[in-house]
Amino acid sequence: MSDTAFQTQYRQEFIQAFEQHSSLLRETVTTEVVIKGNLAVFLVAGSGDSDAVTRGVDGRIPARADDNQQNTATLREWHDLVRKTGFNVFASQGNQRAIMQMTTMAVLNRKIDELIITELATGTVTIGSAATLPSVSLFQNGRVKLSNASVPWDSNITLLCQPAFLAYLEQAPEFANANYVDVKPYAGNEPSWKDKPMAYRWRNCLIIEHPNLPGKGTSSEISLMYHKSAIGHAADTAGMESPVGYDEEQAYSWARASCNMGSKVLQNTGIVKITADGSAYA
């Protein structure tokens, strides 16, 4: 016989796990809404560095051709599907149907960023090395690389950086002093993955800290500086869906997130791949 009857209480409101839930990059690239088809062609048009000319000896003005480059993104179907039996939904802690839908959308949003990062990482303009520490000087090196390639230093430049890269930058006076920073990382909404990425705008460059870049925590971390017109992302946004349902015959609930999408480098000279040693913060 016992004079105690202890009870265990389980919190019904669930707490989100630490993971990336939203796409942080889609607004920083050139997007194309695909109505139908598995290919999206982005046209990059320019003069090809042509120079103005005078009339020829025959009195005629020499003609030239424009430099039109077509870049094709191949769309593939991407899905995330989770199932739980009716009993598991009934017997488990928290709103399992809501959790299922939330996690499937998180998986799909991470795939958007993964496709963009994978393409950006194919860029061939590189700076830094495994022996280089992140610094304002390295940032400026990337800026010069873009400017020398005639990439406009406008509001469409993004530095997509490792957490360690940002940690080094924040130690520089130019970042510690609010007079230098246009958009401050702790102003406004809480800088969480749910609301927005923790981002600076410095020297008219959007600086986004991302948790899923190549080489994280190593001496060869990869960060990326790029112009919006250097990378394209195509998606069937009308077909992007996150349905939930219940199979009465088999008595299980399900949630699915789906999208047809793909990414493509449009202008290699508009991407700088930065290698730096972030191992001290691993």
Protein backbone atom coordinates (compact mmCIF):
# COMPACT_ATOMS: atom_id res chain seq x y z
CA MET A 1 0.00 0.00 0.00
CA SER A 2 1.33 3.46 -0.93
CA ASP A 3 0.37 6.86 0.36
CA THR A 4 1.62 8.59 -2.83
CA ALA A 5 0.12 8.74 -6.31
CA PHE A 6 2.52 10.90 -8.26
CA GLN A 7 1.38 12.11 -11.66
CA THR A 8 3.33 12.98 -14.78
CA GLN A 9 2.07 15.89 -16.85
CA TYR A 10 2.95 16.23 -20.53
CA ARG A 11 2.88 19.68 -22.09
CA GLN A 12 0.45 19.61 -25.02
CA GLU A 13 1.81 22.70 -26.77
CA PHE A 14 4.88 21.52 -28.66
CA ILE A 15 8.22 23.32 -28.84
CA GLN A 16 9.86 23.66 -32.23
CA ALA A 17 13.14 21.81 -32.58
CA PHE A 18 16.23 23.80 -33.50
CA GLU A 19 16.27 23.57 -37.27
CA GLN A 20 15.86 25.80 -40.29
CA HIS A 21 12.13 26.17 -41.03
CA SER A 22 12.05 28.81 -43.78
CA SER A 23 13.94 29.48 -46.99
CA LEU A 24 16.41 32.26 -46.31
CA LEU A 25 17.61 32.68 -49.88
CA ARG A 26 14.70 32.71 -52.31
CA GLU A 27 14.33 36.49 -52.09
CA THR A 28 18.04 36.99 -52.81
CA VAL A 29 17.99 35.27 -56.23
CA THR A 30 16.22 35.79 -59.56
CA THR A 31 13.00 33.78 -59.42
CA GLU A 32 10.87 32.47 -62.25
CA VAL A 33 7.35 31.12 -61.85
CA VAL A 34 6.94 28.11 -64.13
CA ILE A 35 3.43 27.57 -65.47
CA LYS A 36 4.13 24.36 -67.36
CA GLY A 37 7.18 22.32 -68.35
CA ASN A 38 10.30 20.89 -66.75
CA LEU A 39 12.76 23.52 -68.06
CA ALA A 40 13.01 27.23 -67.31
CA VAL A 41 15.25 29.34 -69.54
CA PHE A 42 16.75 32.55 -68.14
CA LEU A 43 18.00 35.05 -70.74
CA VAL A 44 21.06 37.13 -69.84
CA ALA A 45 21.46 39.93 -72.40
CA GLY A 46 24.40 42.26 -72.81
CA SER A 47 26.71 43.99 -75.25
CA GLY A 48 29.62 41.59 -74.76
CA ASP A 49 32.02 44.41 -73.75
CA SER A 50 31.66 45.96 -77.18
CA ASP A 51 33.14 49.40 -77.80
CA ALA A 52 31.65 52.31 -79.69
CA VAL A 53 33.07 52.75 -83.19
CA THR A 54 33.39 55.43 -85.83
CA ARG A 55 32.18 55.13 -89.39
CA GLY A 56 34.23 52.99 -91.69
CA VAL A 57 36.12 54.28 -94.70
CA ASP A 58 33.08 53.39 -96.80
CA GLY A 59 30.95 55.76 -94.74
CA ARG A 60 28.95 52.97 -93.12
CA ILE A 61 28.65 52.30 -89.36
CA PRO A 62 29.90 48.79 -88.52
CA ALA A 63 27.21 46.64 -86.95
CA ARG A 64 27.70 44.20 -84.11
CA ALA A 65 25.74 41.38 -82.51
CA ASP A 66 24.32 41.43 -79.01
CA ASP A 67 25.55 38.91 -76.47
CA ASN A 68 22.47 36.85 -75.55
CA GLN A 69 23.06 33.88 -73.26
CA GLN A 70 20.32 31.41 -72.40
CA ASN A 71 20.69 29.49 -69.15
CA THR A 72 18.42 26.55 -68.43
CA ALA A 73 17.29 25.40 -65.01
CA THR A 74 15.95 21.85 -64.92
CA LEU A 75 12.99 21.35 -62.63
CA ARG A 76 12.62 18.18 -60.61
CA GLU A 77 9.85 17.13 -58.30
CA TRP A 78 10.67 17.29 -54.60
CA HIS A 79 8.53 15.85 -51.83
CA ASP A 80 8.44 15.18 -48.14
CA LEU A 81 5.81 12.78 -46.78
CA VAL A 82 5.15 11.68 -43.22
CA ARG A 83 2.53 9.20 -41.97
CA LYS A 84 1.29 8.35 -38.49
CA THR A 85 -1.32 5.83 -37.51
CA GLY A 86 -4.53 7.02 -35.98
CA PHE A 87 -3.47 5.46 -32.70
CA ASN A 88 -0.13 7.28 -32.72
CA VAL A 89 -1.89 10.60 -33.31
CA PHE A 90 -4.36 9.83 -30.55
CA ALA A 91 -1.85 8.54 -28.01
CA SER A 92 1.02 10.96 -28.64
CA GLN A 93 1.82 14.20 -26.90
CA GLY A 94 1.04 17.42 -28.76
CA ASN A 95 -0.93 18.15 -31.93
CA GLN A 96 0.70 15.56 -34.16
CA ARG A 97 -1.16 16.62 -37.31
CA ALA A 98 0.09 20.20 -36.93
CA ILE A 99 3.60 18.91 -36.26
CA MET A 100 3.49 16.75 -39.39
CA GLN A 101 2.50 19.69 -41.60
CA MET A 102 5.05 22.02 -40.02
CA THR A 103 7.95 19.62 -40.46
CA THR A 104 7.15 18.76 -44.09
CA MET A 105 7.18 22.45 -45.03
CA ALA A 106 10.48 22.89 -43.17
CA VAL A 107 12.04 20.05 -45.16
CA LEU A 108 10.88 21.55 -48.46
CA ASN A 109 12.08 25.06 -47.57
CA ARG A 110 15.51 23.69 -46.68
CA LYS A 111 15.60 21.99 -50.09
CA ILE A 112 15.01 25.37 -51.78
CA ASP A 113 18.11 26.77 -50.06
CA GLU A 114 20.10 23.60 -50.71
CA LEU A 115 19.46 23.80 -54.47
CA ILE A 116 20.50 27.45 -54.55
CA ILE A 117 23.63 26.87 -52.42
CA THR A 118 24.67 23.87 -54.53
CA GLU A 119 24.56 26.01 -57.68
CA LEU A 120 26.32 28.97 -56.07
CA ALA A 121 29.11 26.67 -54.88
CA THR A 122 29.94 25.79 -58.51
CA GLY A 123 31.22 29.34 -59.01
CA THR A 124 34.82 29.51 -60.17
CA VAL A 125 35.79 32.97 -58.86
CA THR A 126 37.47 32.17 -55.55
CA ILE A 127 39.27 34.02 -52.78
CA GLY A 128 40.74 33.01 -49.43
CA SER A 129 42.16 29.68 -48.33
CA ALA A 130 42.22 27.26 -45.42
CA ALA A 131 44.85 29.47 -43.81
CA THR A 132 42.76 32.65 -44.10
CA LEU A 133 40.72 33.97 -41.20
CA PRO A 134 37.43 35.73 -41.96
CA SER A 135 37.87 39.49 -41.90
CA VAL A 136 36.68 42.82 -43.27
CA SER A 137 39.64 42.59 -45.65
CA LEU A 138 38.30 39.31 -47.05
CA PHE A 139 34.88 40.91 -47.46
CA GLN A 140 36.47 43.80 -49.34
CA ASN A 141 38.39 41.37 -51.51
CA GLY A 142 35.09 39.85 -52.60
CA ARG A 143 33.63 43.29 -53.24
CA VAL A 144 36.57 44.20 -55.48
CA LYS A 145 36.26 40.92 -57.40
CA LEU A 146 32.64 41.72 -58.20
CA SER A 147 33.32 45.36 -59.01
CA ASN A 148 36.20 44.45 -61.33
CA ALA A 149 33.76 42.20 -63.20
CA SER A 150 31.38 45.16 -63.67
CA VAL A 151 28.87 43.71 -61.22
CA PRO A 152 26.84 46.68 -59.91
CA TRP A 153 27.27 47.21 -56.18
CA ASP A 154 23.58 47.87 -55.62
CA SER A 155 21.06 46.64 -53.08
CA ASN A 156 21.02 43.19 -54.73
CA ILE A 157 24.37 41.98 -53.35
CA THR A 158 24.29 39.26 -50.69
CA LEU A 159 27.04 37.82 -48.53
CA LEU A 160 25.84 34.37 -47.50
CA CYS A 161 28.19 33.53 -44.67
CA GLN A 162 29.07 30.91 -42.14
CA PRO A 163 28.29 31.63 -38.47
CA ALA A 164 32.04 31.77 -37.77
CA PHE A 165 32.57 34.28 -40.59
CA LEU A 166 29.97 36.59 -39.05
CA ALA A 167 31.50 36.08 -35.60
CA TYR A 168 34.82 37.42 -36.89
CA LEU A 169 33.16 40.34 -38.69
CA GLU A 170 31.28 41.33 -35.53
CA GLN A 171 34.62 41.88 -33.80
CA ALA A 172 35.60 44.57 -36.31
CA PRO A 173 34.87 48.20 -35.37
CA GLU A 174 32.97 48.67 -38.63
CA PHE A 175 30.39 46.15 -37.40
CA ALA A 176 30.51 46.88 -33.67
CA ASN A 177 29.71 50.55 -34.27
CA ALA A 178 26.05 51.05 -35.19
CA ASN A 179 26.99 54.12 -37.24
CA TYR A 180 28.38 51.82 -39.93
CA VAL A 181 25.46 49.39 -40.10
CA ASP A 182 22.32 50.22 -42.10
CA VAL A 183 20.18 47.27 -40.93
CA LYS A 184 20.98 46.08 -37.43
CA PRO A 185 20.58 42.37 -36.61
CA TYR A 186 18.68 42.79 -33.35
CA ALA A 187 16.29 45.53 -34.43
CA GLY A 188 12.59 44.78 -34.91
CA ASN A 189 11.39 41.18 -34.74
CA GLU A 190 13.30 38.55 -32.88
CA PRO A 191 16.02 37.36 -35.29
CA SER A 192 14.96 33.74 -35.36
CA TRP A 193 14.57 31.32 -38.25
CA LYS A 194 10.81 31.62 -37.85
CA ASP A 195 10.69 35.38 -38.33
CA LYS A 196 13.70 36.25 -40.46
CA PRO A 197 17.38 35.44 -40.76
CA MET A 198 19.78 37.33 -38.57
CA ALA A 199 21.00 39.81 -41.13
CA TYR A 200 23.05 42.96 -41.45
CA ARG A 201 23.10 45.44 -44.28
CA TRP A 202 26.60 46.88 -44.47
CA ARG A 203 28.06 48.86 -47.39
CA ASN A 204 24.78 48.21 -49.17
CA CYS A 205 25.35 44.44 -48.93
CA LEU A 206 22.88 42.11 -47.25
CA ILE A 207 24.80 39.78 -44.93
CA ILE A 208 22.93 36.60 -44.04
CA GLU A 209 24.16 34.00 -41.59
CA HIS A 210 23.21 30.51 -42.80
CA PRO A 211 23.51 27.23 -40.86
CA ASN A 212 23.85 24.89 -43.85
CA LEU A 213 26.82 26.04 -45.92
CA PRO A 214 29.62 23.71 -47.10
CA GLY A 215 32.49 23.00 -44.72
CA LYS A 216 30.79 24.36 -41.60
CA GLY A 217 33.04 24.18 -38.56
CA THR A 218 36.20 23.32 -40.52
CA SER A 219 39.31 25.15 -41.68
CA SER A 220 37.79 25.31 -45.18
CA GLU A 221 34.41 26.89 -44.61
CA ILE A 222 32.68 28.21 -47.73
CA SER A 223 30.83 31.52 -47.75
CA LEU A 224 29.36 33.10 -50.89
CA MET A 225 29.04 36.66 -52.12
CA TYR A 226 26.77 37.12 -55.12
CA HIS A 227 24.46 39.38 -57.07
CA LYS A 228 20.79 38.53 -57.43
CA SER A 229 21.17 38.39 -61.23
CA ALA A 230 23.93 35.76 -60.96
CA ILE A 231 21.69 32.89 -59.83
CA GLY A 232 18.20 31.80 -60.84
CA HIS A 233 15.59 29.68 -59.10
CA ALA A 234 12.56 28.38 -60.99
CA ALA A 235 9.54 26.82 -59.32
CA ASP A 236 6.00 25.75 -60.03
CA THR A 237 4.67 27.93 -57.24
CA ALA A 238 1.05 27.24 -58.19
CA GLY A 239 1.74 23.54 -57.71
CA MET A 240 3.56 24.04 -54.40
CA GLU A 241 1.35 22.38 -51.87
CA SER A 242 1.25 21.09 -48.32
CA PRO A 243 -1.87 18.92 -48.05
CA VAL A 244 -2.86 16.85 -45.04
CA GLY A 245 -5.24 13.92 -45.02
CA TYR A 246 -6.58 10.81 -43.38
CA ASP A 247 -6.80 7.30 -44.83
CA GLU A 248 -9.98 5.80 -43.39
CA GLU A 249 -9.27 2.29 -44.68
CA GLN A 250 -5.81 2.05 -43.07
CA ALA A 251 -6.53 4.51 -40.25
CA TYR A 252 -3.52 6.76 -40.60
CA SER A 253 -2.97 10.50 -40.97
CA TRP A 254 -0.50 11.94 -43.43
CA ALA A 255 1.07 15.25 -44.42
CA ARG A 256 2.97 16.03 -47.58
CA ALA A 257 4.86 19.03 -48.97
CA SER A 258 5.68 19.09 -52.69
CA CYS A 259 7.19 21.44 -55.24
CA ASN A 260 8.68 21.22 -58.74
CA MET A 261 11.80 23.41 -58.82
CA GLY A 262 15.42 23.86 -59.85
CA SER A 263 18.27 26.39 -59.75
CA LYS A 264 20.92 27.55 -62.21
CA VAL A 265 23.96 29.83 -62.23
CA LEU A 266 23.24 32.66 -64.67
CA GLN A 267 26.45 34.70 -64.51
CA ASN A 268 29.54 33.11 -63.01
CA THR A 269 31.33 36.45 -62.66
CA GLY A 270 28.62 37.59 -60.24
CA ILE A 271 29.54 34.92 -57.66
CA VAL A 272 32.57 34.92 -55.37
CA LYS A 273 33.30 31.76 -53.39
CA ILE A 274 35.12 32.57 -50.15
CA THR A 275 37.18 29.97 -48.29
CA ALA A 276 38.14 30.74 -44.71
CA ASP A 277 39.15 29.02 -41.49
CA GLY A 278 36.22 28.88 -39.07
CA SER A 279 37.53 25.97 -37.00
CA ALA A 280 38.26 28.15 -33.96
CA TYR A 281 34.51 28.50 -33.42
CA ALA A 282 33.60 24.88 -34.17
